[in-house]
PDB file of N, CA and C in Angstrom:
ATOM      1  N   MET A   1     114.384 175.570 -53.787  1.00  0.00           N
ATOM      2  CA  MET A   1     115.038 176.111 -52.765  1.00  0.00           C
ATOM      3  C   MET A   1     114.771 177.704 -52.930  1.00  0.00           C
ATOM      4  N   PRO A   2     114.097 178.433 -52.090  1.00  0.00           N
ATOM      5  CA  PRO A   2     114.127 179.943 -52.191  1.00  0.00           C
ATOM      6  C   PRO A   2     115.263 180.735 -52.303  1.00  0.00           C
ATOM      7  N   GLY A   3     115.637 181.666 -53.144  1.00  0.00           N
ATOM      8  CA  GLY A   3     116.854 182.502 -52.836  1.00  0.00           C
ATOM      9  C   GLY A   3     118.038 181.593 -53.685  1.00  0.00           C
ATOM     10  N   LEU A   4     119.152 182.325 -53.622  1.00  0.00           N
ATOM     11  CA  LEU A   4     120.425 182.026 -54.070  1.00  0.00           C
ATOM     12  C   LEU A   4     120.903 180.828 -53.265  1.00  0.00           C
ATOM     13  N   LEU A   5     121.048 181.003 -51.867  1.00  0.00           N
ATOM     14  CA  LEU A   5     121.752 180.065 -50.924  1.00  0.00           C
ATOM     15  C   LEU A   5     120.738 179.436 -50.062  1.00  0.00           C
ATOM     16  N   HIS A   6     121.158 178.281 -49.718  1.00  0.00           N
ATOM     17  CA  HIS A   6     120.350 177.425 -48.694  1.00  0.00           C
ATOM     18  C   HIS A   6     120.412 178.124 -47.473  1.00  0.00           C
ATOM     19  N   PRO A   7     119.192 177.900 -46.897  1.00  0.00           N
ATOM     20  CA  PRO A   7     119.163 178.163 -45.327  1.00  0.00           C
ATOM     21  C   PRO A   7     119.899 177.769 -44.265  1.00  0.00           C
ATOM     22  N   LEU A   8     120.044 178.325 -43.182  1.00  0.00           N
ATOM     23  CA  LEU A   8     120.666 177.590 -42.198  1.00  0.00           C
ATOM     24  C   LEU A   8     119.783 176.626 -41.581  1.00  0.00           C
ATOM     25  N   HIS A   9     119.945 175.552 -40.846  1.00  0.00           N
ATOM     26  CA  HIS A   9     118.936 174.854 -40.035  1.00  0.00           C
ATOM     27  C   HIS A   9     119.382 174.777 -38.547  1.00  0.00           C
ATOM     28  N   ASP A  10     118.736 175.606 -37.597  1.00  0.00           N
ATOM     29  CA  ASP A  10     118.913 175.480 -36.095  1.00  0.00           C
ATOM     30  C   ASP A  10     120.573 176.083 -36.011  1.00  0.00           C
ATOM     31  N   GLY A  11     120.764 176.968 -36.739  1.00  0.00           N
ATOM     32  CA  GLY A  11     122.198 177.648 -36.558  1.00  0.00           C
ATOM     33  C   GLY A  11     123.252 176.597 -37.287  1.00  0.00           C
ATOM     34  N   HIS A  12     122.980 175.707 -38.098  1.00  0.00           N
ATOM     35  CA  HIS A  12     123.740 174.847 -38.847  1.00  0.00           C
ATOM     36  C   HIS A  12     123.847 175.086 -40.371  1.00  0.00           C
ATOM     37  N   ALA A  13     125.109 175.167 -40.835  1.00  0.00           N
ATOM     38  CA  ALA A  13     125.014 175.347 -42.476  1.00  0.00           C
ATOM     39  C   ALA A  13     125.059 173.780 -43.083  1.00  0.00           C
ATOM     40  N   PRO A  14     124.344 173.794 -44.270  1.00  0.00           N
ATOM     41  CA  PRO A  14     124.569 172.620 -44.989  1.00  0.00           C
ATOM     42  C   PRO A  14     126.143 172.770 -45.537  1.00  0.00           C
ATOM     43  N   ILE A  15     126.634 171.565 -45.957  1.00  0.00           N
ATOM     44  CA  ILE A  15     127.984 171.381 -46.272  1.00  0.00           C
ATOM     45  C   ILE A  15     128.149 172.428 -47.702  1.00  0.00           C
ATOM     46  N   ILE A  16     127.169 172.525 -48.496  1.00  0.00           N
ATOM     47  CA  ILE A  16     127.189 173.422 -49.686  1.00  0.00           C
ATOM     48  C   ILE A  16     127.700 174.852 -49.126  1.00  0.00           C
ATOM     49  N   LEU A  17     126.873 175.393 -48.080  1.00  0.00           N
ATOM     50  CA  LEU A  17     127.261 176.681 -47.473  1.00  0.00           C
ATOM     51  C   LEU A  17     128.645 176.605 -46.956  1.00  0.00           C
ATOM     52  N   GLN A  18     129.168 175.944 -46.258  1.00  0.00           N
ATOM     53  CA  GLN A  18     130.373 175.637 -45.593  1.00  0.00           C
ATOM     54  C   GLN A  18     131.522 175.716 -46.890  1.00  0.00           C
ATOM     55  N   ASN A  19     130.984 174.999 -47.940  1.00  0.00           N
ATOM     56  CA  ASN A  19     132.320 175.056 -49.088  1.00  0.00           C
ATOM     57  C   ASN A  19     131.991 176.305 -49.701  1.00  0.00           C
ATOM     58  N   ALA A  20     130.949 177.022 -49.985  1.00  0.00           N
ATOM     59  CA  ALA A  20     130.670 178.251 -50.272  1.00  0.00           C
ATOM     60  C   ALA A  20     131.712 179.280 -49.487  1.00  0.00           C
ATOM     61  N   PHE A  21     131.541 179.257 -48.414  1.00  0.00           N
ATOM     62  CA  PHE A  21     132.379 180.377 -47.565  1.00  0.00           C
ATOM     63  C   PHE A  21     133.765 180.054 -47.623  1.00  0.00           C
ATOM     64  N   GLN A  22     134.395 178.871 -47.914  1.00  0.00           N
ATOM     65  CA  GLN A  22     135.678 178.635 -47.971  1.00  0.00           C
ATOM     66  C   GLN A  22     136.025 179.360 -49.491  1.00  0.00           C
ATOM     67  N   ASP A  23     135.308 179.006 -50.688  1.00  0.00           N
ATOM     68  CA  ASP A  23     135.242 179.359 -51.862  1.00  0.00           C
ATOM     69  C   ASP A  23     135.314 181.104 -51.733  1.00  0.00           C
ATOM     70  N   ALA A  24     134.570 181.697 -50.959  1.00  0.00           N
ATOM     71  CA  ALA A  24     134.310 183.072 -50.773  1.00  0.00           C
ATOM     72  C   ALA A  24     135.633 183.685 -50.043  1.00  0.00           C
ATOM     73  N   ILE A  25     136.170 182.872 -49.156  1.00  0.00           N
ATOM     74  CA  ILE A  25     137.474 183.414 -48.687  1.00  0.00           C
ATOM     75  C   ILE A  25     138.714 183.410 -49.402  1.00  0.00           C
ATOM     76  N   ASP A  26     138.712 182.281 -50.390  1.00  0.00           N
ATOM     77  CA  ASP A  26     139.658 181.969 -51.390  1.00  0.00           C
ATOM     78  C   ASP A  26     139.699 183.338 -52.745  1.00  0.00           C
ATOM     79  N   ALA A  27     138.316 183.709 -52.818  1.00  0.00           N
ATOM     80  CA  ALA A  27     138.131 184.738 -53.772  1.00  0.00           C
ATOM     81  C   ALA A  27     138.497 186.247 -52.959  1.00  0.00           C
ATOM     82  N   LEU A  28     138.136 186.238 -51.916  1.00  0.00           N
ATOM     83  CA  LEU A  28     138.469 187.582 -51.080  1.00  0.00           C
ATOM     84  C   LEU A  28     139.925 187.870 -51.146  1.00  0.00           C
ATOM     85  N   GLU A  29     140.883 186.770 -50.971  1.00  0.00           N
ATOM     86  CA  GLU A  29     142.402 186.696 -50.960  1.00  0.00           C
ATOM     87  C   GLU A  29     142.674 187.300 -52.245  1.00  0.00           C
ATOM     88  N   ASP A  30     142.123 186.679 -53.243  1.00  0.00           N
ATOM     89  CA  ASP A  30     142.477 186.975 -54.512  1.00  0.00           C
ATOM     90  C   ASP A  30     142.139 188.333 -55.109  1.00  0.00           C
ATOM     91  N   TRP A  31     140.910 188.968 -54.486  1.00  0.00           N
ATOM     92  CA  TRP A  31     140.528 190.184 -54.876  1.00  0.00           C
ATOM     93  C   TRP A  31     141.360 191.438 -55.102  1.00  0.00           C
ATOM     94  N   GLU A  32     141.673 191.952 -56.434  1.00  0.00           N
ATOM     95  CA  GLU A  32     142.411 192.780 -56.622  1.00  0.00           C
ATOM     96  C   GLU A  32     141.661 194.500 -56.641  1.00  0.00           C
ATOM     97  N   LEU A  33     142.353 195.425 -55.912  1.00  0.00           N
ATOM     98  CA  LEU A  33     141.731 196.619 -55.738  1.00  0.00           C
ATOM     99  C   LEU A  33     141.567 197.297 -57.151  1.00  0.00           C
ATOM    100  N   GLY A  34     140.354 197.678 -57.337  1.00  0.00           N
ATOM    101  CA  GLY A  34     140.033 198.388 -58.711  1.00  0.00           C
ATOM    102  C   GLY A  34     139.174 197.483 -59.466  1.00  0.00           C
ATOM    103  N   THR A  35     138.804 196.327 -59.065  1.00  0.00           N
ATOM    104  CA  THR A  35     138.043 195.206 -59.825  1.00  0.00           C
ATOM    105  C   THR A  35     136.848 195.243 -59.148  1.00  0.00           C
ATOM    106  N   ASP A  36     135.729 194.503 -59.842  1.00  0.00           N
ATOM    107  CA  ASP A  36     134.484 194.346 -59.298  1.00  0.00           C
ATOM    108  C   ASP A  36     134.638 193.259 -57.942  1.00  0.00           C
ATOM    109  N   GLU A  37     133.783 193.238 -57.145  1.00  0.00           N
ATOM    110  CA  GLU A  37     133.589 192.184 -56.098  1.00  0.00           C
ATOM    111  C   GLU A  37     133.576 190.862 -56.816  1.00  0.00           C
ATOM    112  N   PRO A  38     134.381 189.777 -56.302  1.00  0.00           N
ATOM    113  CA  PRO A  38     134.208 188.467 -56.952  1.00  0.00           C
ATOM    114  C   PRO A  38     133.089 187.738 -56.623  1.00  0.00           C
ATOM    115  N   VAL A  39     132.558 186.883 -57.653  1.00  0.00           N
ATOM    116  CA  VAL A  39     131.580 186.072 -57.594  1.00  0.00           C
ATOM    117  C   VAL A  39     131.925 184.574 -57.368  1.00  0.00           C
ATOM    118  N   ILE A  40     131.214 183.901 -56.861  1.00  0.00           N
ATOM    119  CA  ILE A  40     131.727 182.334 -57.095  1.00  0.00           C
ATOM    120  C   ILE A  40     130.385 181.417 -57.441  1.00  0.00           C
ATOM    121  N   ASP A  41     130.650 180.260 -57.847  1.00  0.00           N
ATOM    122  CA  ASP A  41     129.366 179.435 -58.085  1.00  0.00           C
ATOM    123  C   ASP A  41     129.091 178.728 -57.044  1.00  0.00           C
ATOM    124  N   VAL A  42     127.774 178.843 -56.744  1.00  0.00           N
ATOM    125  CA  VAL A  42     126.806 178.022 -55.908  1.00  0.00           C
ATOM    126  C   VAL A  42     125.756 177.696 -56.313  1.00  0.00           C
ATOM    127  N   ASN A  43     125.555 176.129 -56.163  1.00  0.00           N
ATOM    128  CA  ASN A  43     124.402 175.550 -57.039  1.00  0.00           C
ATOM    129  C   ASN A  43     124.248 175.973 -58.293  1.00  0.00           C
ATOM    130  N   GLU A  44     125.211 176.326 -59.141  1.00  0.00           N
ATOM    131  CA  GLU A  44     125.328 176.484 -60.487  1.00  0.00           C
ATOM    132  C   GLU A  44     124.585 178.176 -60.695  1.00  0.00           C
ATOM    133  N   LYS A  45     124.618 178.848 -59.682  1.00  0.00           N
ATOM    134  CA  LYS A  45     124.396 180.315 -59.538  1.00  0.00           C
ATOM    135  C   LYS A  45     125.593 181.235 -59.227  1.00  0.00           C
ATOM    136  N   ARG A  46     125.755 182.324 -59.837  1.00  0.00           N
ATOM    137  CA  ARG A  46     126.681 183.149 -59.408  1.00  0.00           C
ATOM    138  C   ARG A  46     126.143 184.150 -58.297  1.00  0.00           C
ATOM    139  N   VAL A  47     127.031 184.072 -57.049  1.00  0.00           N
ATOM    140  CA  VAL A  47     126.903 185.011 -56.086  1.00  0.00           C
ATOM    141  C   VAL A  47     128.063 185.458 -55.522  1.00  0.00           C
ATOM    142  N   ALA A  48     127.799 187.050 -55.295  1.00  0.00           N
ATOM    143  CA  ALA A  48     128.765 187.643 -54.707  1.00  0.00           C
ATOM    144  C   ALA A  48     129.303 187.091 -53.330  1.00  0.00           C
ATOM    145  N   ILE A  49     130.638 187.202 -53.159  1.00  0.00           N
ATOM    146  CA  ILE A  49     131.018 186.708 -51.932  1.00  0.00           C
ATOM    147  C   ILE A  49     130.589 187.411 -50.523  1.00  0.00           C
ATOM    148  N   SER A  50     130.201 188.632 -50.720  1.00  0.00           N
ATOM    149  CA  SER A  50     129.709 189.226 -49.467  1.00  0.00           C
ATOM    150  C   SER A  50     128.433 188.723 -49.202  1.00  0.00           C
ATOM    151  N   THR A  51     127.363 188.085 -50.145  1.00  0.00           N
ATOM    152  CA  THR A  51     126.268 187.400 -49.897  1.00  0.00           C
ATOM    153  C   THR A  51     126.549 186.045 -49.314  1.00  0.00           C
ATOM    154  N   VAL A  52     127.648 185.449 -49.321  1.00  0.00           N
ATOM    155  CA  VAL A  52     127.913 184.272 -48.730  1.00  0.00           C
ATOM    156  C   VAL A  52     128.307 184.508 -47.409  1.00  0.00           C
ATOM    157  N   PHE A  53     129.083 185.447 -47.052  1.00  0.00           N
ATOM    158  CA  PHE A  53     129.523 185.814 -45.644  1.00  0.00           C
ATOM    159  C   PHE A  53     128.034 186.369 -44.962  1.00  0.00           C
ATOM    160  N   ARG A  54     127.297 187.147 -45.495  1.00  0.00           N
ATOM    161  CA  ARG A  54     125.889 187.568 -44.903  1.00  0.00           C
ATOM    162  C   ARG A  54     125.229 186.438 -44.738  1.00  0.00           C
ATOM    163  N   ARG A  55     125.096 185.370 -45.551  1.00  0.00           N
ATOM    164  CA  ARG A  55     124.394 184.337 -45.019  1.00  0.00           C
ATOM    165  C   ARG A  55     124.569 183.595 -43.715  1.00  0.00           C
ATOM    166  N   LEU A  56     126.042 183.606 -43.473  1.00  0.00           N
ATOM    167  CA  LEU A  56     126.493 182.843 -42.386  1.00  0.00           C
ATOM    168  C   LEU A  56     126.727 183.573 -41.117  1.00  0.00           C
ATOM    169  N   TRP A  57     125.972 184.736 -40.984  1.00  0.00           N
ATOM    170  CA  TRP A  57     126.114 185.521 -39.742  1.00  0.00           C
ATOM    171  C   TRP A  57     125.714 184.907 -38.240  1.00  0.00           C
ATOM    172  N   THR A  58     124.698 184.005 -38.628  1.00  0.00           N
ATOM    173  CA  THR A  58     124.389 183.283 -37.554  1.00  0.00           C
ATOM    174  C   THR A  58     124.591 181.897 -37.283  1.00  0.00           C
ATOM    175  N   CYS A  59     125.516 181.417 -38.103  1.00  0.00           N
ATOM    176  CA  CYS A  59     125.840 179.903 -38.224  1.00  0.00           C
ATOM    177  C   CYS A  59     126.866 179.609 -36.855  1.00  0.00           C
ATOM    178  N   THR A  60     126.221 178.469 -36.132  1.00  0.00           N
ATOM    179  CA  THR A  60     127.149 178.195 -34.792  1.00  0.00           C
ATOM    180  C   THR A  60     127.948 176.994 -35.117  1.00  0.00           C
ATOM    181  N   ASP A  61     128.197 176.691 -36.530  1.00  0.00           N
ATOM    182  CA  ASP A  61     129.079 175.582 -36.718  1.00  0.00           C
ATOM    183  C   ASP A  61     130.420 176.076 -36.413  1.00  0.00           C
ATOM    184  N   ILE A  62     131.539 175.202 -36.023  1.00  0.00           N
ATOM    185  CA  ILE A  62     132.648 175.654 -35.563  1.00  0.00           C
ATOM    186  C   ILE A  62     133.625 175.616 -36.761  1.00  0.00           C
ATOM    187  N   LEU A  63     134.646 176.694 -36.958  1.00  0.00           N
ATOM    188  CA  LEU A  63     135.315 176.748 -38.161  1.00  0.00           C
ATOM    189  C   LEU A  63     136.446 175.750 -37.945  1.00  0.00           C
ATOM    190  N   PRO A  64     136.849 175.088 -39.247  1.00  0.00           N
ATOM    191  CA  PRO A  64     137.808 174.306 -39.317  1.00  0.00           C
ATOM    192  C   PRO A  64     139.113 175.129 -39.069  1.00  0.00           C
ATOM    193  N   ALA A  65     140.250 174.597 -38.649  1.00  0.00           N
ATOM    194  CA  ALA A  65     141.426 175.196 -38.304  1.00  0.00           C
ATOM    195  C   ALA A  65     142.171 175.632 -39.584  1.00  0.00           C
ATOM    196  N   ARG A  66     142.075 175.150 -40.477  1.00  0.00           N
ATOM    197  CA  ARG A  66     142.651 175.566 -41.665  1.00  0.00           C
ATOM    198  C   ARG A  66     142.068 176.871 -42.228  1.00  0.00           C
ATOM    199  N   THR A  67     140.748 176.934 -42.143  1.00  0.00           N
ATOM    200  CA  THR A  67     139.958 178.216 -42.387  1.00  0.00           C
ATOM    201  C   THR A  67     140.235 179.116 -41.447  1.00  0.00           C
ATOM    202  N   LEU A  68     140.494 179.013 -40.379  1.00  0.00           N
ATOM    203  CA  LEU A  68     140.602 180.198 -39.160  1.00  0.00           C
ATOM    204  C   LEU A  68     142.116 180.630 -39.656  1.00  0.00           C
ATOM    205  N   ASP A  69     143.031 179.857 -39.993  1.00  0.00           N
ATOM    206  CA  ASP A  69     144.400 180.458 -40.287  1.00  0.00           C
ATOM    207  C   ASP A  69     144.424 181.528 -41.476  1.00  0.00           C
ATOM    208  N   VAL A  70     143.400 181.149 -42.414  1.00  0.00           N
ATOM    209  CA  VAL A  70     143.301 182.044 -43.570  1.00  0.00           C
ATOM    210  C   VAL A  70     142.593 183.458 -43.140  1.00  0.00           C
ATOM    211  N   ILE A  71     141.625 183.059 -42.304  1.00  0.00           N
ATOM    212  CA  ILE A  71     140.888 184.262 -41.829  1.00  0.00           C
ATOM    213  C   ILE A  71     141.687 185.323 -41.025  1.00  0.00           C
ATOM    214  N   GLU A  72     142.649 184.699 -40.051  1.00  0.00           N
ATOM    215  CA  GLU A  72     143.777 185.387 -39.091  1.00  0.00           C
ATOM    216  C   GLU A  72     144.522 186.038 -40.190  1.00  0.00           C
ATOM    217  N   ASP A  73     144.776 185.613 -41.392  1.00  0.00           N
ATOM    218  CA  ASP A  73     145.801 186.502 -42.351  1.00  0.00           C
ATOM    219  C   ASP A  73     145.077 187.538 -42.740  1.00  0.00           C
ATOM    220  N   LEU A  74     143.687 187.432 -42.989  1.00  0.00           N
ATOM    221  CA  LEU A  74     142.921 188.423 -43.860  1.00  0.00           C
ATOM    222  C   LEU A  74     142.504 189.596 -42.624  1.00  0.00           C
ATOM    223  N   LEU A  75     142.286 189.009 -41.687  1.00  0.00           N
ATOM    224  CA  LEU A  75     141.805 190.155 -40.579  1.00  0.00           C
ATOM    225  C   LEU A  75     143.045 190.179 -39.490  1.00  0.00           C
ATOM    226  N   PRO A  76     144.140 190.588 -39.658  1.00  0.00           N
ATOM    227  CA  PRO A  76     145.241 190.393 -38.853  1.00  0.00           C
ATOM    228  C   PRO A  76     144.896 191.271 -37.355  1.00  0.00           C
ATOM    229  N   LEU A  77     144.356 192.473 -37.467  1.00  0.00           N
ATOM    230  CA  LEU A  77     143.893 193.155 -36.169  1.00  0.00           C
ATOM    231  C   LEU A  77     143.022 192.578 -35.282  1.00  0.00           C
ATOM    232  N   ARG A  78     142.004 191.785 -36.040  1.00  0.00           N
ATOM    233  CA  ARG A  78     140.942 191.011 -35.023  1.00  0.00           C
ATOM    234  C   ARG A  78     141.445 189.497 -34.701  1.00  0.00           C
ATOM    235  N   SER A  79     142.552 188.844 -35.060  1.00  0.00           N
ATOM    236  CA  SER A  79     142.966 187.568 -35.282  1.00  0.00           C
ATOM    237  C   SER A  79     142.915 187.075 -33.709  1.00  0.00           C
ATOM    238  N   ALA A  80     143.238 188.042 -32.455  1.00  0.00           N
ATOM    239  CA  ALA A  80     143.045 187.615 -31.121  1.00  0.00           C
ATOM    240  C   ALA A  80     141.913 187.084 -30.710  1.00  0.00           C
ATOM    241  N   GLU A  81     140.736 187.356 -31.596  1.00  0.00           N
ATOM    242  CA  GLU A  81     139.413 187.266 -31.179  1.00  0.00           C
ATOM    243  C   GLU A  81     138.963 185.720 -31.686  1.00  0.00           C
ATOM    244  N   PHE A  82     139.788 185.181 -32.398  1.00  0.00           N
ATOM    245  CA  PHE A  82     139.464 183.894 -32.987  1.00  0.00           C
ATOM    246  C   PHE A  82     140.463 182.763 -32.238  1.00  0.00           C
ATOM    247  N   LYS A  83     139.536 181.802 -31.968  1.00  0.00           N
ATOM    248  CA  LYS A  83     140.314 180.535 -31.170  1.00  0.00           C
ATOM    249  C   LYS A  83     139.777 179.269 -31.946  1.00  0.00           C
ATOM    250  N   VAL A  84     140.743 178.485 -32.234  1.00  0.00           N
ATOM    251  CA  VAL A  84     140.627 177.193 -32.924  1.00  0.00           C
ATOM    252  C   VAL A  84     139.696 176.355 -31.713  1.00  0.00           C
ATOM    253  N   GLY A  85     138.638 175.767 -32.276  1.00  0.00           N
ATOM    254  CA  GLY A  85     138.047 174.726 -31.795  1.00  0.00           C
ATOM    255  C   GLY A  85     136.709 175.352 -31.265  1.00  0.00           C
ATOM    256  N   THR A  86     136.667 176.684 -30.960  1.00  0.00           N
ATOM    257  CA  THR A  86     135.527 177.273 -30.455  1.00  0.00           C
ATOM    258  C   THR A  86     134.904 178.433 -31.449  1.00  0.00           C
ATOM    259  N   SER A  87     135.744 179.097 -32.136  1.00  0.00           N
ATOM    260  CA  SER A  87     135.277 180.197 -33.307  1.00  0.00           C
ATOM    261  C   SER A  87     134.151 179.381 -34.223  1.00  0.00           C
ATOM    262  N   THR A  88     133.122 180.132 -34.570  1.00  0.00           N
ATOM    263  CA  THR A  88     132.237 180.066 -35.261  1.00  0.00           C
ATOM    264  C   THR A  88     132.353 180.481 -36.758  1.00  0.00           C
ATOM    265  N   TYR A  89     131.407 180.106 -37.701  1.00  0.00           N
ATOM    266  CA  TYR A  89     131.472 180.853 -39.060  1.00  0.00           C
ATOM    267  C   TYR A  89     130.880 182.322 -38.584  1.00  0.00           C
ATOM    268  N   ALA A  90     129.775 182.218 -37.774  1.00  0.00           N
ATOM    269  CA  ALA A  90     129.093 183.680 -37.498  1.00  0.00           C
ATOM    270  C   ALA A  90     130.400 184.627 -36.761  1.00  0.00           C
ATOM    271  N   ASP A  91     131.488 183.830 -36.109  1.00  0.00           N
ATOM    272  CA  ASP A  91     132.174 185.004 -35.673  1.00  0.00           C
ATOM    273  C   ASP A  91     133.158 185.563 -36.667  1.00  0.00           C
ATOM    274  N   ALA A  92     133.435 184.971 -37.841  1.00  0.00           N
ATOM    275  CA  ALA A  92     134.138 185.455 -38.910  1.00  0.00           C
ATOM    276  C   ALA A  92     133.297 186.190 -39.866  1.00  0.00           C
ATOM    277  N   ALA A  93     132.235 185.767 -40.168  1.00  0.00           N
ATOM    278  CA  ALA A  93     131.352 185.946 -41.333  1.00  0.00           C
ATOM    279  C   ALA A  93     131.143 187.496 -41.337  1.00  0.00           C
ATOM    280  N   TYR A  94     130.745 188.218 -40.264  1.00  0.00           N
ATOM    281  CA  TYR A  94     130.301 189.654 -40.295  1.00  0.00           C
ATOM    282  C   TYR A  94     131.816 190.562 -40.629  1.00  0.00           C
ATOM    283  N   SER A  95     132.846 190.029 -39.885  1.00  0.00           N
ATOM    284  CA  SER A  95     134.296 190.641 -40.312  1.00  0.00           C
ATOM    285  C   SER A  95     134.387 190.543 -41.847  1.00  0.00           C
ATOM    286  N   LEU A  96     134.173 189.559 -42.084  1.00  0.00           N
ATOM    287  CA  LEU A  96     134.675 189.191 -43.692  1.00  0.00           C
ATOM    288  C   LEU A  96     133.892 190.140 -44.700  1.00  0.00           C
ATOM    289  N   TRP A  97     132.380 190.072 -44.195  1.00  0.00           N
ATOM    290  CA  TRP A  97     131.636 190.971 -44.859  1.00  0.00           C
ATOM    291  C   TRP A  97     131.824 192.609 -44.799  1.00  0.00           C
ATOM    292  N   GLN A  98     132.284 192.871 -43.586  1.00  0.00           N
ATOM    293  CA  GLN A  98     132.751 194.223 -43.497  1.00  0.00           C
ATOM    294  C   GLN A  98     133.965 194.577 -44.467  1.00  0.00           C
ATOM    295  N   LEU A  99     135.080 193.534 -44.517  1.00  0.00           N
ATOM    296  CA  LEU A  99     136.101 193.713 -45.321  1.00  0.00           C
ATOM    297  C   LEU A  99     135.829 193.878 -46.597  1.00  0.00           C
ATOM    298  N   CYS A 100     134.689 193.131 -47.062  1.00  0.00           N
ATOM    299  CA  CYS A 100     134.453 193.088 -48.733  1.00  0.00           C
ATOM    300  C   CYS A 100     133.699 194.456 -48.978  1.00  0.00           C
ATOM    301  N   LEU A 101     133.135 195.018 -47.867  1.00  0.00           N
ATOM    302  CA  LEU A 101     132.340 196.424 -48.089  1.00  0.00           C
ATOM    303  C   LEU A 101     133.492 197.314 -48.291  1.00  0.00           C
ATOM    304  N   GLN A 102     134.547 197.141 -47.269  1.00  0.00           N
ATOM    305  CA  GLN A 102     135.648 198.136 -47.496  1.00  0.00           C
ATOM    306  C   GLN A 102     136.466 198.247 -48.591  1.00  0.00           C
ATOM    307  N   LYS A 103     136.680 196.876 -49.303  1.00  0.00           N
ATOM    308  CA  LYS A 103     137.294 196.531 -50.441  1.00  0.00           C
ATOM    309  C   LYS A 103     136.531 197.120 -51.688  1.00  0.00           C
ATOM    310  N   ARG A 104     135.163 196.969 -51.810  1.00  0.00           N
ATOM    311  CA  ARG A 104     134.183 197.273 -52.641  1.00  0.00           C
ATOM    312  C   ARG A 104     134.238 198.611 -52.705  1.00  0.00           C
ATOM    313  N   ALA A 105     134.407 199.422 -51.470  1.00  0.00           N
ATOM    314  CA  ALA A 105     134.566 201.026 -51.677  1.00  0.00           C
ATOM    315  C   ALA A 105     135.753 201.490 -52.214  1.00  0.00           C
ATOM    316  N   ALA A 106     136.979 200.774 -51.839  1.00  0.00           N
ATOM    317  CA  ALA A 106     138.285 200.979 -52.181  1.00  0.00           C
ATOM    318  C   ALA A 106     138.279 200.769 -53.832  1.00  0.00           C
ATOM    319  N   SER A 107     137.722 199.997 -54.354  1.00  0.00           N
ATOM    320  CA  SER A 107     137.803 199.768 -55.806  1.00  0.00           C
ATOM    321  C   SER A 107     137.083 200.712 -56.467  1.00  0.00           C
ATOM    322  N   TYR A 108     136.025 200.930 -56.024  1.00  0.00           N
ATOM    323  CA  TYR A 108     135.289 202.038 -56.543  1.00  0.00           C
ATOM    324  C   TYR A 108     135.815 203.336 -56.490  1.00  0.00           C
ATOM    325  N   GLU A 109     136.370 203.780 -55.431  1.00  0.00           N
ATOM    326  CA  GLU A 109     137.272 204.960 -55.533  1.00  0.00           C
ATOM    327  C   GLU A 109     138.489 205.043 -56.366  1.00  0.00           C
ATOM    328  N   MET A 110     139.046 203.895 -56.810  1.00  0.00           N
ATOM    329  CA  MET A 110     140.070 203.851 -57.711  1.00  0.00           C
ATOM    330  C   MET A 110     139.614 203.791 -59.293  1.00  0.00           C
ATOM    331  N   ARG A 111     138.276 203.785 -59.313  1.00  0.00           N
ATOM    332  CA  ARG A 111     137.954 203.749 -60.822  1.00  0.00           C
ATOM    333  C   ARG A 111     137.306 205.341 -61.166  1.00  0.00           C
ATOM    334  N   ILE A 112     137.145 206.211 -59.823  1.00  0.00           N
ATOM    335  CA  ILE A 112     136.665 207.365 -60.247  1.00  0.00           C
ATOM    336  C   ILE A 112     137.651 208.600 -60.411  1.00  0.00           C
TER     337      ILE A 112
END
């Protein structure tokens, strides 16, 4: 396998990436400002959560409703964009990646 994460196949993520996405969301929820970006274990490798979100920018798989509920809590201003049964990983991945960048910048600012 090249790189840290499995590639998508015709827009579809293997289950290991879907599970990593959920783990990344959980880590994002728990991320305290002033600390480094969380990393998760994927294939026995440590991967920054933003890397997981970036990998799924083009994933056409439909988000599970339970995952969508958490995403709506993390992105309340964008929650109207997400729909159960039609929203994909790609729909949420870019916004979650942006949130990671914002939190990373805010954490850095707190430390200087």
